[in-house]
N, C-alpha and C. Protein backbone atom coordinates (compact mmCIF):
# COMPACT_ATOMS: atom_id res chain seq x y z
N UNK A 1 28.31 38.34 44.24
CA UNK A 1 28.39 37.23 45.02
C UNK A 1 29.14 36.35 43.33
N UNK A 2 30.44 35.72 43.42
CA UNK A 2 30.61 34.94 42.58
C UNK A 2 29.70 33.63 42.56
N UNK A 3 29.21 32.71 42.05
CA UNK A 3 29.26 30.65 42.20
C UNK A 3 30.40 30.44 41.82
N UNK A 4 30.17 29.26 42.92
CA UNK A 4 31.60 28.05 42.10
C UNK A 4 31.35 27.42 41.83
N UNK A 5 32.33 26.99 41.66
CA UNK A 5 31.88 25.96 40.40
C UNK A 5 30.87 25.31 40.08
N UNK A 6 30.70 23.73 40.63
CA UNK A 6 30.12 23.62 41.52
C UNK A 6 28.37 23.38 41.28
N UNK A 7 28.05 25.43 42.00
CA UNK A 7 27.16 25.57 41.78
C UNK A 7 26.55 26.08 40.43
N UNK A 8 27.50 26.98 40.33
CA UNK A 8 27.41 26.99 38.48
C UNK A 8 27.38 25.86 37.71
N UNK A 9 28.11 24.53 37.66
CA UNK A 9 27.57 23.95 36.62
C UNK A 9 25.91 23.24 37.06
N UNK A 10 25.83 23.94 38.21
CA UNK A 10 24.45 22.73 38.80
C UNK A 10 22.96 23.46 37.99
N UNK A 11 22.93 24.91 37.86
CA UNK A 11 22.28 26.58 37.57
C UNK A 11 22.15 25.53 36.02
N UNK A 12 23.54 25.50 35.32
CA UNK A 12 23.62 25.72 34.27
C UNK A 12 22.71 24.43 33.99
N UNK A 13 23.21 23.06 34.64
CA UNK A 13 22.63 21.65 34.20
C UNK A 13 20.48 22.09 34.42
N UNK A 14 19.69 22.37 36.12
CA UNK A 14 19.21 22.78 35.49
C UNK A 14 18.58 24.00 34.47
N UNK A 15 18.64 25.05 34.41
CA UNK A 15 18.14 25.50 33.08
C UNK A 15 18.27 24.83 31.42
N UNK A 16 18.97 23.73 30.72
CA UNK A 16 19.48 22.60 30.46
C UNK A 16 17.70 22.05 30.18
N UNK A 17 17.55 21.26 32.11
CA UNK A 17 16.17 20.58 32.22
C UNK A 17 15.10 21.58 32.33
N UNK A 18 15.13 22.67 31.98
CA UNK A 18 14.25 23.99 31.98
C UNK A 18 13.35 24.49 30.34
N UNK A 19 14.97 23.40 29.33
CA UNK A 19 14.17 23.86 28.49
C UNK A 19 13.95 22.78 27.18
N UNK A 20 14.35 21.85 28.14
CA UNK A 20 14.14 20.19 27.65
C UNK A 20 12.75 19.94 27.72
N UNK A 21 12.73 20.27 29.28
CA UNK A 21 11.14 19.65 29.05
C UNK A 21 9.85 20.70 28.63
N UNK A 22 10.43 21.87 28.13
CA UNK A 22 9.22 22.82 28.14
C UNK A 22 9.30 22.65 26.94
N UNK A 23 10.65 21.80 25.51
CA UNK A 23 10.46 21.18 24.74
C UNK A 23 9.38 20.08 24.25
N UNK A 24 9.93 19.28 25.35
CA UNK A 24 8.72 18.16 26.01
C UNK A 24 7.49 19.02 25.52
N UNK A 25 7.47 19.63 26.48
CA UNK A 25 5.19 20.51 26.32
C UNK A 25 4.96 20.39 25.26
N UNK A 26 5.68 22.07 24.48
CA UNK A 26 5.70 21.89 22.81
C UNK A 26 5.22 20.80 22.54
N UNK A 27 6.22 20.17 22.27
CA UNK A 27 5.92 18.76 21.23
C UNK A 27 4.93 18.15 20.66
N UNK A 28 4.71 17.97 23.06
CA UNK A 28 3.60 17.12 22.97
C UNK A 28 2.26 17.48 23.00
N UNK A 29 2.30 18.99 22.73
CA UNK A 29 0.85 19.13 22.59
C UNK A 29 0.89 20.41 20.76
N UNK A 30 1.86 19.90 20.15
CA UNK A 30 1.63 19.68 19.21
C UNK A 30 1.34 18.86 18.40
N UNK A 31 1.80 18.20 18.89
CA UNK A 31 0.76 16.41 18.48
C UNK A 31 -0.40 16.03 19.07
N UNK A 32 -0.59 16.27 20.23
CA UNK A 32 -1.93 16.71 20.17
C UNK A 32 -2.86 16.93 18.97
N UNK A 33 -2.59 18.37 18.92
CA UNK A 33 -2.77 18.95 18.30
C UNK A 33 -3.44 19.10 16.67
N UNK A 34 -1.83 17.94 15.99
CA UNK A 34 -1.72 17.65 15.31
C UNK A 34 -2.53 16.25 14.67
N UNK A 35 -2.61 15.37 15.63
CA UNK A 35 -3.32 14.39 15.58
C UNK A 35 -3.97 13.29 14.58
N UNK A 36 -5.53 14.35 15.18
CA UNK A 36 -6.24 13.71 14.09
C UNK A 36 -6.10 14.61 12.95
N UNK A 37 -6.25 15.76 12.60
CA UNK A 37 -6.07 15.95 11.52
C UNK A 37 -5.35 15.53 11.23
N UNK A 38 -3.55 15.24 11.45
CA UNK A 38 -3.29 13.86 10.43
C UNK A 38 -3.95 12.71 10.19
N UNK A 39 -4.66 12.16 11.36
CA UNK A 39 -4.65 11.06 10.75
C UNK A 39 -6.18 11.14 9.93
N UNK A 40 -7.25 11.85 9.55
CA UNK A 40 -7.96 12.20 8.74
C UNK A 40 -7.67 12.01 7.57
N UNK A 41 -6.50 13.41 7.46
CA UNK A 41 -5.67 13.22 6.40
C UNK A 41 -5.09 12.12 5.35
N UNK A 42 -4.79 10.93 6.19
CA UNK A 42 -4.25 9.58 6.10
C UNK A 42 -5.09 9.59 5.43
N UNK A 43 -6.84 9.03 6.21
CA UNK A 43 -7.42 8.27 5.50
C UNK A 43 -8.01 8.63 4.71
N UNK A 44 -8.53 9.59 4.36
CA UNK A 44 -8.89 10.48 2.39
C UNK A 44 -7.68 10.24 1.41
N UNK A 45 -6.44 10.22 1.62
CA UNK A 45 -5.91 9.95 1.00
C UNK A 45 -5.62 8.30 0.77
N UNK A 46 -6.04 7.57 1.80
CA UNK A 46 -6.39 5.69 1.53
C UNK A 46 -7.70 5.77 0.50
N UNK A 47 -8.82 6.59 1.35
CA UNK A 47 -10.12 6.33 0.34
C UNK A 47 -10.09 6.22 -0.89
N UNK A 48 -9.37 7.75 -1.38
CA UNK A 48 -8.96 8.32 -2.79
C UNK A 48 -8.66 7.21 -3.82
N UNK A 49 -6.98 6.53 -3.27
CA UNK A 49 -6.73 5.43 -3.92
C UNK A 49 -7.51 3.99 -3.70
N UNK A 50 -8.31 3.64 -2.55
CA UNK A 50 -9.44 3.14 -2.96
C UNK A 50 -9.97 3.07 -3.80
N UNK A 51 -10.52 4.15 -3.88
CA UNK A 51 -11.44 4.43 -5.19
C UNK A 51 -11.16 4.64 -6.63
N UNK A 52 -10.13 4.96 -7.04
CA UNK A 52 -9.39 4.51 -8.02
C UNK A 52 -9.72 3.28 -8.15
N UNK A 53 -9.54 2.41 -7.74
CA UNK A 53 -9.72 0.35 -7.69
C UNK A 53 -10.96 -0.38 -7.83
N UNK A 54 -11.14 0.32 -6.44
CA UNK A 54 -12.85 0.37 -6.47
C UNK A 54 -14.13 1.07 -7.18
N UNK A 55 -14.61 0.84 -8.79
CA UNK A 55 -15.78 2.16 -9.15
C UNK A 55 -16.37 2.28 -7.74
N UNK A 56 -17.37 3.07 -6.71
CA UNK A 56 -18.19 3.36 -6.15
C UNK A 56 -19.20 2.95 -6.26
N UNK A 57 -20.26 2.85 -7.47
CA UNK A 57 -20.89 1.70 -8.45
C UNK A 57 -20.63 -0.07 -7.43
N UNK A 58 -19.55 -0.02 -7.43
CA UNK A 58 -19.55 -2.12 -7.03
C UNK A 58 -19.49 -1.67 -5.04
N UNK A 59 -20.53 -0.97 -4.03
CA UNK A 59 -19.95 -0.82 -2.55
C UNK A 59 -21.24 0.24 -2.69
N UNK A 60 -21.70 0.10 -1.12
CA UNK A 60 -22.09 0.70 -0.85
C UNK A 60 -21.57 0.39 0.71
N UNK A 61 -20.84 0.11 1.53
CA UNK A 61 -20.36 -0.01 2.56
C UNK A 61 -19.52 0.64 2.19
N UNK A 62 -19.05 1.06 3.81
CA UNK A 62 -17.73 1.91 4.35
C UNK A 62 -16.56 0.66 4.07
N UNK A 63 -15.61 1.54 3.04
CA UNK A 63 -14.07 0.31 2.62
C UNK A 63 -13.23 0.80 3.83
N UNK A 64 -13.63 1.41 4.45
CA UNK A 64 -12.22 1.16 4.75
C UNK A 64 -12.77 0.75 6.47
N UNK A 65 -13.40 1.23 6.82
CA UNK A 65 -14.11 0.39 8.49
C UNK A 65 -14.67 -1.08 8.04
N UNK A 66 -14.24 -1.76 6.31
CA UNK A 66 -14.74 -3.32 6.24
C UNK A 66 -13.50 -3.82 6.08
N UNK A 67 -12.85 -3.53 6.89
CA UNK A 67 -11.17 -4.26 6.30
C UNK A 67 -10.66 -4.81 7.94
N UNK A 68 -9.65 -6.05 7.35
CA UNK A 68 -8.70 -6.94 8.63
C UNK A 68 -7.96 -6.25 7.87
N UNK A 69 -6.84 -7.32 8.45
CA UNK A 69 -5.09 -7.90 8.15
C UNK A 69 -4.69 -8.75 8.20
N UNK A 70 -3.77 -8.53 7.20
CA UNK A 70 -3.62 -9.71 6.75
C UNK A 70 -2.32 -10.16 7.08
N UNK A 71 -1.49 -11.04 6.81
CA UNK A 71 -0.20 -10.81 8.18
C UNK A 71 0.59 -11.68 6.25
N UNK A 72 1.63 -10.75 7.23
CA UNK A 72 3.28 -10.87 6.00
C UNK A 72 3.14 -11.89 5.58
N UNK A 73 2.98 -12.40 3.98
CA UNK A 73 3.02 -13.05 3.55
C UNK A 73 4.51 -12.86 1.73
N UNK A 74 4.64 -13.93 1.53
CA UNK A 74 5.88 -14.13 0.74
C UNK A 74 5.11 -13.92 -0.89
N UNK A 75 4.14 -14.18 -1.15
CA UNK A 75 3.41 -13.38 -2.37
C UNK A 75 3.17 -12.77 -2.44
N UNK A 76 3.18 -11.45 -1.44
CA UNK A 76 2.95 -10.28 -1.30
C UNK A 76 3.87 -9.53 -1.72
N UNK A 77 4.98 -10.26 -1.03
CA UNK A 77 6.35 -9.59 -0.56
C UNK A 77 6.09 -8.51 0.55
N UNK A 78 5.59 -9.03 1.77
CA UNK A 78 5.35 -8.44 2.34
C UNK A 78 5.76 -9.43 3.59
N UNK A 79 5.89 -8.31 4.42
CA UNK A 79 7.25 -7.93 5.86
C UNK A 79 5.92 -7.87 7.55
N UNK A 80 5.15 -7.39 6.79
CA UNK A 80 4.82 -7.13 7.73
C UNK A 80 2.44 -6.93 7.87
N UNK A 81 2.13 -7.33 9.05
CA UNK A 81 0.46 -7.77 8.11
C UNK A 81 0.12 -6.04 7.93
N UNK A 82 -0.72 -5.70 6.63
CA UNK A 82 -1.57 -5.46 6.19
C UNK A 82 -2.20 -5.38 5.88
N UNK A 83 -3.34 -4.68 5.45
CA UNK A 83 -4.47 -4.33 5.20
C UNK A 83 -5.56 -4.86 3.99
N UNK A 84 -6.76 -5.36 4.32
CA UNK A 84 -7.21 -5.68 2.85
C UNK A 84 -8.70 -4.87 2.83
N UNK A 85 -9.47 -4.75 1.73
CA UNK A 85 -10.28 -4.40 2.32
C UNK A 85 -11.78 -4.15 1.42
N UNK A 86 -12.23 -5.05 1.96
CA UNK A 86 -13.75 -5.70 0.84
C UNK A 86 -14.71 -4.22 1.01
N UNK A 87 -15.19 -4.80 -1.26
CA UNK A 87 -16.47 -3.29 -1.13
C UNK A 87 -17.65 -4.81 -1.29
N UNK A 88 -19.06 -4.08 -0.91
CA UNK A 88 -20.09 -4.96 -0.57
C UNK A 88 -20.65 -4.16 -0.98
N UNK A 89 -21.89 -4.46 -2.38
CA UNK A 89 -22.92 -4.63 -3.19
C UNK A 89 -24.46 -5.04 -2.11
N UNK A 90 -25.31 -4.37 -2.10
CA UNK A 90 -26.56 -5.14 -1.51
C UNK A 90 -25.92 -6.96 -0.98
N UNK A 91 -25.23 -6.82 0.06
CA UNK A 91 -25.06 -7.53 1.26
C UNK A 91 -23.66 -8.43 0.22
N UNK A 92 -23.54 -8.35 -0.77
CA UNK A 92 -22.52 -9.17 -2.27
C UNK A 92 -21.61 -8.57 -1.98
N UNK A 93 -19.77 -9.55 -1.88
CA UNK A 93 -19.07 -8.87 -1.75
C UNK A 93 -18.34 -9.00 -3.53
N UNK A 94 -18.35 -8.19 -3.92
CA UNK A 94 -17.95 -7.64 -5.00
C UNK A 94 -16.29 -7.17 -5.70
N UNK A 95 -15.67 -6.59 -4.42
CA UNK A 95 -14.17 -7.28 -4.59
C UNK A 95 -13.57 -6.74 -3.30
N UNK A 96 -12.32 -7.27 -3.74
CA UNK A 96 -11.42 -7.07 -2.39
C UNK A 96 -10.08 -5.92 -3.17
N UNK A 97 -9.63 -5.20 -2.34
CA UNK A 97 -8.24 -4.31 -2.51
C UNK A 97 -7.22 -4.45 -1.37
N UNK A 98 -6.01 -4.93 -2.02
CA UNK A 98 -5.39 -4.95 -0.72
C UNK A 98 -3.63 -5.14 -1.33
N UNK A 99 -2.75 -4.29 -0.64
CA UNK A 99 -0.97 -4.37 -0.82
C UNK A 99 -0.73 -5.06 -0.63
N UNK A 100 0.07 -5.26 -2.00
CA UNK A 100 1.06 -5.92 -2.49
C UNK A 100 3.08 -5.48 -2.37
N UNK A 101 3.70 -5.29 -2.56
CA UNK A 101 4.92 -4.65 -2.67
C UNK A 101 6.24 -6.06 -4.05
N UNK A 102 6.90 -4.69 -4.93
CA UNK A 102 7.29 -5.56 -5.76
C UNK A 102 8.87 -5.96 -5.47
N UNK A 103 9.77 -6.85 -4.54
CA UNK A 103 10.29 -5.67 -3.92
C UNK A 103 11.40 -5.53 -4.59
N UNK A 104 11.69 -5.96 -6.23
CA UNK A 104 13.44 -6.03 -6.71
C UNK A 104 12.77 -4.52 -8.17
N UNK A 105 12.18 -3.26 -7.35
CA UNK A 105 12.73 -2.43 -8.24
C UNK A 105 13.75 -1.83 -8.84
N UNK A 106 13.94 -1.13 -9.71
CA UNK A 106 15.30 -0.61 -9.93
C UNK A 106 15.87 -0.35 -8.29
N UNK A 107 14.62 1.01 -7.85
CA UNK A 107 15.51 1.19 -6.46
C UNK A 107 15.25 1.18 -5.50
N UNK A 108 14.50 -0.08 -4.99
CA UNK A 108 14.52 -1.11 -4.29
C UNK A 108 12.89 -0.97 -4.25
N UNK A 109 11.51 -1.26 -3.53
CA UNK A 109 10.59 -1.42 -3.49
C UNK A 109 9.62 -0.91 -3.28
N UNK A 110 8.33 -1.39 -4.70
CA UNK A 110 7.35 -0.48 -4.76
C UNK A 110 6.21 -0.79 -4.12
N UNK A 111 5.30 -0.22 -3.74
CA UNK A 111 4.42 -0.69 -2.75
C UNK A 111 3.23 -0.70 -4.36
N UNK A 112 2.12 -1.60 -4.05
CA UNK A 112 0.93 -1.50 -5.17
C UNK A 112 -0.40 -1.87 -4.07
N UNK A 113 -1.17 -1.19 -4.71
CA UNK A 113 -2.76 -1.60 -3.86
C UNK A 113 -3.10 -2.31 -5.52
N UNK A 114 -3.51 -3.22 -5.21
CA UNK A 114 -4.85 -4.08 -6.59
C UNK A 114 -5.91 -4.10 -6.00
N UNK A 115 -7.04 -4.21 -6.61
CA UNK A 115 -8.39 -4.98 -6.13
C UNK A 115 -8.69 -5.31 -7.08
N UNK A 116 -9.78 -6.68 -6.76
CA UNK A 116 -9.23 -8.01 -7.62
C UNK A 116 -11.48 -8.09 -7.37
N UNK A 117 -11.86 -8.41 -8.23
CA UNK A 117 -13.09 -9.14 -8.33
C UNK A 117 -13.30 -11.04 -7.83
N UNK A 118 -14.59 -10.97 -7.16
CA UNK A 118 -14.63 -12.26 -6.65
C UNK A 118 -14.27 -13.41 -7.23
N UNK A 119 -14.37 -13.12 -8.61
CA UNK A 119 -14.11 -14.54 -9.94
C UNK A 119 -12.47 -13.83 -10.10
N UNK A 120 -11.20 -13.39 -9.71
CA UNK A 120 -9.81 -13.16 -9.81
C UNK A 120 -9.77 -12.16 -10.88
N UNK A 121 -10.47 -11.33 -11.66
CA UNK A 121 -10.60 -10.79 -12.53
C UNK A 121 -9.58 -9.37 -11.55
N UNK A 122 -8.45 -8.77 -12.37
CA UNK A 122 -7.80 -7.34 -11.73
C UNK A 122 -9.33 -5.98 -12.07
N UNK A 123 -9.46 -5.54 -11.62
CA UNK A 123 -10.39 -4.06 -11.75
C UNK A 123 -9.65 -3.24 -11.74
N UNK A 124 -8.24 -2.90 -11.06
CA UNK A 124 -7.65 -1.48 -10.69
C UNK A 124 -6.67 -2.41 -9.82
N UNK A 125 -4.94 -1.78 -10.69
CA UNK A 125 -3.45 -1.60 -10.16
C UNK A 125 -3.05 -0.03 -9.62
N UNK A 126 -2.43 0.18 -8.33
CA UNK A 126 -2.39 1.66 -8.63
C UNK A 126 -1.11 1.61 -8.22
N UNK A 127 0.13 2.43 -8.23
CA UNK A 127 1.11 2.19 -7.29
C UNK A 127 1.30 3.70 -6.04
N UNK A 128 1.91 2.83 -4.43
CA UNK A 128 1.81 3.56 -3.19
C UNK A 128 2.85 4.20 -3.43
N UNK A 129 3.83 3.97 -3.13
CA UNK A 129 5.30 4.65 -3.39
C UNK A 129 6.11 3.56 -3.98
N UNK A 130 6.65 4.00 -4.48
CA UNK A 130 8.89 4.17 -5.04
C UNK A 130 9.41 5.08 -4.64
N UNK A 131 10.20 4.50 -6.06
CA UNK A 131 11.52 5.37 -5.29
C UNK A 131 12.35 5.16 -6.79
N UNK A 132 11.64 4.83 -7.76
CA UNK A 132 13.00 4.63 -8.94
C UNK A 132 12.44 6.18 -9.62
N UNK A 133 13.31 6.04 -10.76
CA UNK A 133 14.25 6.84 -11.54
C UNK A 133 13.27 7.86 -12.21
N UNK A 134 13.38 8.73 -11.79
CA UNK A 134 12.30 10.16 -11.97
C UNK A 134 12.51 10.02 -13.59
N UNK A 135 11.04 10.42 -14.57
CA UNK A 135 11.13 10.04 -15.96
C UNK A 135 11.92 9.19 -16.64
N UNK A 136 12.79 7.96 -16.35
CA UNK A 136 12.90 6.78 -16.67
C UNK A 136 11.76 5.33 -15.91
N UNK A 137 12.09 5.54 -14.37
CA UNK A 137 10.36 4.40 -13.99
C UNK A 137 10.08 5.15 -13.99
N UNK A 138 9.40 6.11 -13.35
CA UNK A 138 8.24 6.21 -12.33
C UNK A 138 7.26 6.32 -13.55
N UNK A 139 6.84 6.69 -14.85
CA UNK A 139 5.47 6.15 -15.71
C UNK A 139 4.99 5.01 -15.66
N UNK A 140 4.81 4.37 -14.37
CA UNK A 140 3.88 3.44 -13.46
C UNK A 140 3.08 3.82 -12.54
N UNK A 141 3.47 5.10 -12.12
CA UNK A 141 2.46 6.44 -12.07
C UNK A 141 1.68 7.21 -13.01
N UNK A 142 0.29 5.89 -12.59
CA UNK A 142 -1.27 6.82 -12.83
C UNK A 142 -1.00 8.70 -13.30
N UNK A 143 -0.33 9.36 -12.52
CA UNK A 143 -0.52 10.71 -12.50
C UNK A 143 0.63 10.68 -13.77
N UNK A 144 0.93 9.83 -14.13
CA UNK A 144 2.63 9.90 -15.09
C UNK A 144 2.54 9.82 -16.60
N UNK A 145 2.02 8.71 -16.48
CA UNK A 145 0.93 7.71 -17.79
C UNK A 145 0.14 6.16 -17.46
N UNK A 146 -0.71 5.71 -18.21
CA UNK A 146 -1.22 4.71 -18.68
C UNK A 146 -0.91 3.74 -18.41
N UNK A 147 0.60 3.08 -17.90
CA UNK A 147 0.85 2.19 -18.51
C UNK A 147 0.13 0.83 -17.36
N UNK A 148 0.16 1.87 -15.74
CA UNK A 148 -0.40 0.60 -14.95
C UNK A 148 -2.19 0.49 -15.68
N UNK A 149 -2.46 0.75 -16.53
CA UNK A 149 -3.76 0.54 -17.05
C UNK A 149 -3.88 -0.95 -17.45
N UNK A 150 -2.94 -1.38 -17.94
CA UNK A 150 -2.84 -2.44 -18.75
C UNK A 150 -2.93 -4.09 -17.74
N UNK A 151 -3.25 -3.90 -16.65
CA UNK A 151 -4.45 -4.72 -15.95
C UNK A 151 -5.00 -5.03 -15.58
N UNK A 152 -6.12 -3.94 -16.27
CA UNK A 152 -7.34 -4.16 -15.45
C UNK A 152 -8.02 -5.25 -16.90
N UNK A 153 -8.82 -5.61 -16.02
CA UNK A 153 -9.76 -6.73 -16.77
C UNK A 153 -8.60 -8.42 -16.75
N UNK A 154 -8.11 -8.47 -16.35
CA UNK A 154 -7.00 -9.40 -17.20
C UNK A 154 -7.17 -10.45 -15.67
N UNK A 155 -7.04 -11.77 -15.74
CA UNK A 155 -7.18 -13.13 -14.50
C UNK A 155 -5.64 -13.51 -14.79
N UNK A 156 -5.51 -14.03 -13.71
CA UNK A 156 -4.07 -15.53 -13.42
C UNK A 156 -5.07 -17.09 -14.29
N UNK A 157 -3.86 -17.43 -14.87
CA UNK A 157 -4.97 -18.48 -15.07
C UNK A 157 -3.31 -19.48 -15.73
N UNK A 158 -4.01 -21.07 -15.91
CA UNK A 158 -2.00 -21.56 -16.30
C UNK A 158 -2.62 -21.74 -17.48
N UNK A 159 -3.86 -21.43 -17.95
CA UNK A 159 -3.21 -21.80 -20.05
C UNK A 159 -2.15 -19.74 -20.35
N UNK A 160 -2.67 -18.93 -19.60
CA UNK A 160 -2.02 -17.77 -19.94
C UNK A 160 -1.05 -17.36 -18.83
N UNK A 161 -0.26 -18.44 -18.18
CA UNK A 161 0.57 -17.60 -17.36
C UNK A 161 1.94 -16.83 -17.56
N UNK A 162 1.99 -17.51 -19.39
CA UNK A 162 3.17 -16.98 -19.58
C UNK A 162 2.97 -15.17 -20.49
N UNK A 163 1.53 -14.80 -20.14
CA UNK A 163 1.44 -13.97 -20.12
C UNK A 163 1.50 -12.13 -19.47
N UNK A 164 2.05 -13.11 -18.49
CA UNK A 164 2.29 -12.18 -16.92
C UNK A 164 3.73 -12.14 -17.01
N UNK A 165 4.24 -11.46 -18.10
CA UNK A 165 5.81 -10.56 -17.92
C UNK A 165 5.59 -9.69 -18.97
N UNK A 166 6.31 -9.24 -19.52
CA UNK A 166 7.00 -8.07 -20.25
C UNK A 166 7.50 -8.95 -21.53
N UNK A 167 7.02 -7.10 -22.93
CA UNK A 167 7.25 -8.11 -24.25
C UNK A 167 8.01 -8.18 -23.91
N UNK A 168 8.76 -8.65 -23.49
CA UNK A 168 10.48 -8.23 -24.27
C UNK A 168 11.12 -9.97 -23.75
N UNK A 169 10.35 -10.11 -21.89
CA UNK A 169 10.65 -11.53 -22.34
C UNK A 169 10.01 -12.60 -22.69
N UNK A 170 8.87 -12.11 -23.39
CA UNK A 170 7.89 -12.88 -24.04
C UNK A 170 6.42 -12.97 -23.78
N UNK A 171 5.90 -11.49 -22.50
CA UNK A 171 4.70 -11.78 -22.58
C UNK A 171 3.73 -11.05 -23.23
N UNK A 172 2.97 -10.00 -21.67
CA UNK A 172 1.32 -9.48 -22.84
C UNK A 172 2.05 -7.63 -22.59
N UNK A 173 2.84 -7.73 -21.11
CA UNK A 173 2.61 -5.92 -20.97
C UNK A 173 3.50 -4.82 -21.68
N UNK A 174 3.38 -4.10 -22.05
CA UNK A 174 4.11 -3.63 -23.06
C UNK A 174 5.74 -2.53 -21.85
N UNK A 175 6.47 -1.78 -22.05
CA UNK A 175 7.63 -1.43 -21.39
C UNK A 175 7.80 -0.20 -21.76
N UNK A 176 9.14 0.20 -21.04
CA UNK A 176 9.53 1.85 -22.56
C UNK A 176 11.08 1.90 -21.94
N UNK A 177 11.44 2.11 -23.43
CA UNK A 177 13.08 0.75 -24.03
C UNK A 177 14.14 1.41 -22.66
N UNK A 178 15.21 0.59 -22.47
CA UNK A 178 15.65 1.32 -21.86
C UNK A 178 14.89 0.97 -19.86
N UNK A 179 13.57 0.78 -20.24
CA UNK A 179 12.85 0.78 -18.61
C UNK A 179 12.73 0.11 -18.04
N UNK A 180 12.75 -1.92 -18.46
CA UNK A 180 12.25 -2.67 -17.96
C UNK A 180 12.41 -3.05 -16.57
N UNK A 181 13.33 -2.85 -16.21
CA UNK A 181 13.44 -3.23 -14.83
C UNK A 181 11.89 -3.03 -13.97
N UNK A 182 11.63 -2.22 -13.53
CA UNK A 182 10.53 -1.83 -13.40
C UNK A 182 9.48 -1.97 -12.90
N UNK A 183 8.33 -2.21 -14.64
CA UNK A 183 7.38 -3.54 -14.96
C UNK A 183 7.89 -3.97 -14.71
N UNK A 184 8.86 -4.87 -15.23
CA UNK A 184 9.32 -6.40 -14.87
C UNK A 184 9.33 -6.17 -13.71
N UNK A 185 8.91 -6.23 -12.26
CA UNK A 185 9.15 -5.59 -10.93
C UNK A 185 7.24 -5.52 -10.83
N UNK A 186 6.66 -4.84 -11.15
CA UNK A 186 5.66 -4.31 -10.30
C UNK A 186 4.70 -6.03 -12.29
N UNK A 187 5.06 -6.12 -12.49
CA UNK A 187 4.04 -7.22 -13.25
C UNK A 187 4.37 -9.23 -12.54
N UNK A 188 5.30 -8.53 -12.30
CA UNK A 188 5.30 -9.96 -11.27
C UNK A 188 5.16 -9.93 -9.70
N UNK A 189 4.70 -9.29 -9.52
CA UNK A 189 4.13 -8.74 -8.03
C UNK A 189 3.17 -8.86 -8.04
N UNK A 190 2.61 -8.33 -9.23
CA UNK A 190 1.19 -8.71 -9.13
C UNK A 190 0.11 -9.53 -10.18
N UNK A 191 1.77 -10.55 -10.91
CA UNK A 191 0.82 -11.86 -10.41
C UNK A 191 0.99 -12.61 -9.41
N UNK A 192 2.14 -12.64 -8.71
CA UNK A 192 1.91 -12.83 -7.38
C UNK A 192 0.95 -13.27 -5.81
N UNK A 193 0.63 -11.74 -6.61
CA UNK A 193 -0.83 -11.31 -5.09
C UNK A 193 -1.63 -11.97 -6.08
N UNK A 194 -1.63 -11.88 -6.75
CA UNK A 194 -3.37 -12.99 -8.15
C UNK A 194 -3.09 -14.57 -7.51
N UNK A 195 -2.08 -14.74 -7.31
CA UNK A 195 -1.20 -15.71 -6.43
C UNK A 195 -2.36 -16.20 -5.09
N UNK A 196 -1.67 -14.78 -4.58
CA UNK A 196 -1.92 -15.31 -3.18
C UNK A 196 -3.81 -14.90 -3.65
N UNK A 197 -4.17 -14.73 -4.39
CA UNK A 197 -5.82 -14.07 -3.88
C UNK A 197 -6.72 -15.62 -3.91
N UNK A 198 -5.68 -16.24 -4.81
CA UNK A 198 -6.22 -17.84 -5.32
C UNK A 198 -6.12 -18.66 -4.60
N UNK A 199 -4.88 -18.69 -3.83
CA UNK A 199 -5.28 -19.24 -2.64
C UNK A 199 -5.72 -18.83 -1.14
N UNK A 200 -5.98 -17.82 -0.90
CA UNK A 200 -6.80 -17.28 0.40
C UNK A 200 -8.83 -16.83 -0.36
N UNK A 201 -8.65 -17.24 -1.40
CA UNK A 201 -10.06 -16.57 -1.87
C UNK A 201 -11.04 -16.66 -0.68
N UNK A 202 -11.34 -17.80 -0.41
CA UNK A 202 -12.36 -17.83 1.16
C UNK A 202 -11.92 -17.02 1.96
N UNK A 203 -11.26 -16.74 2.45
CA UNK A 203 -11.02 -15.89 3.57
C UNK A 203 -11.34 -14.49 3.13
N UNK A 204 -10.95 -14.39 1.98
CA UNK A 204 -11.43 -13.25 1.25
C UNK A 204 -11.96 -12.20 0.64
N UNK A 205 -12.82 -12.89 0.29
CA UNK A 205 -14.05 -12.64 -0.51
C UNK A 205 -15.40 -13.77 0.13
N UNK A 206 -15.10 -14.81 0.62
CA UNK A 206 -15.78 -16.35 1.48
C UNK A 206 -16.94 -14.92 2.89
N UNK A 207 -17.27 -16.20 3.12
CA UNK A 207 -17.61 -15.87 4.90
C UNK A 207 -16.11 -15.71 5.56
N UNK A 208 -15.05 -16.04 5.48
CA UNK A 208 -13.93 -16.27 6.34
C UNK A 208 -13.55 -14.76 5.81
N UNK A 209 -13.78 -13.78 5.48
CA UNK A 209 -13.32 -12.32 5.53
C UNK A 209 -14.83 -11.39 7.16
N UNK A 210 -13.85 -11.49 7.78
CA UNK A 210 -15.00 -10.39 9.59
C UNK A 210 -13.59 -8.79 9.27
N UNK A 211 -14.61 -8.11 9.94
CA UNK A 211 -13.65 -7.43 9.83
C UNK A 211 -12.66 -7.92 11.52
N UNK A 212 -11.71 -7.89 11.54
CA UNK A 212 -10.78 -8.50 11.85
C UNK A 212 -9.88 -8.09 12.14
N UNK A 213 -8.48 -9.33 12.36
CA UNK A 213 -7.43 -9.69 12.59
C UNK A 213 -7.50 -11.61 11.34
N UNK A 214 -6.34 -11.37 9.88
CA UNK A 214 -7.34 -12.82 9.28
C UNK A 214 -5.96 -13.54 9.61
N UNK A 215 -7.00 -15.17 9.21
CA UNK A 215 -6.03 -16.03 9.61
C UNK A 215 -5.09 -16.20 8.63
N UNK A 216 -3.86 -17.08 8.31
CA UNK A 216 -2.94 -17.62 7.35
C UNK A 216 -3.46 -19.06 7.15
């Protein structure tokens, strides 16, 4: 016996609903099964990057556990809260690592992680993510070039402010010929991040640094 148009449409809708429900359940199950491994992998990657800018001998604490949220700030180029991590050795703060964003890369935003000593000396800078042109602007990555190591040991002082530019602009930082937009953006972002550090130093490395949400 053939079904009428309405009953046929109803049966089709029920079949589609059953498939949709089954698909949703499978996706939910897959999410539950993979959530923890993905979270562990993300934490491992984050710790690996932190260990590149904060030498292991500088801390005896858990860097990922000793973190706060920094509110969005124009000097950091951030438009949402970002984490900061404190390194502690024998009860003394030895470094703080936090993120900054260069908004004016050749192909957009360049995410950076930098570590700074309590005195304001750069311990290291690494590029977290970027969309610069492969083979031209991607030499800012440590995997491609040592260019990013130029920041190691540098400080920001009024007398040396002019040095925080690429050499083409009269500063101290090398840049690849024909690809100065990218390093110019990174140098500017690191300089502004150091300005942020000095403006918020008591919060970042002093008693105000406590696990939780930071106050600007």
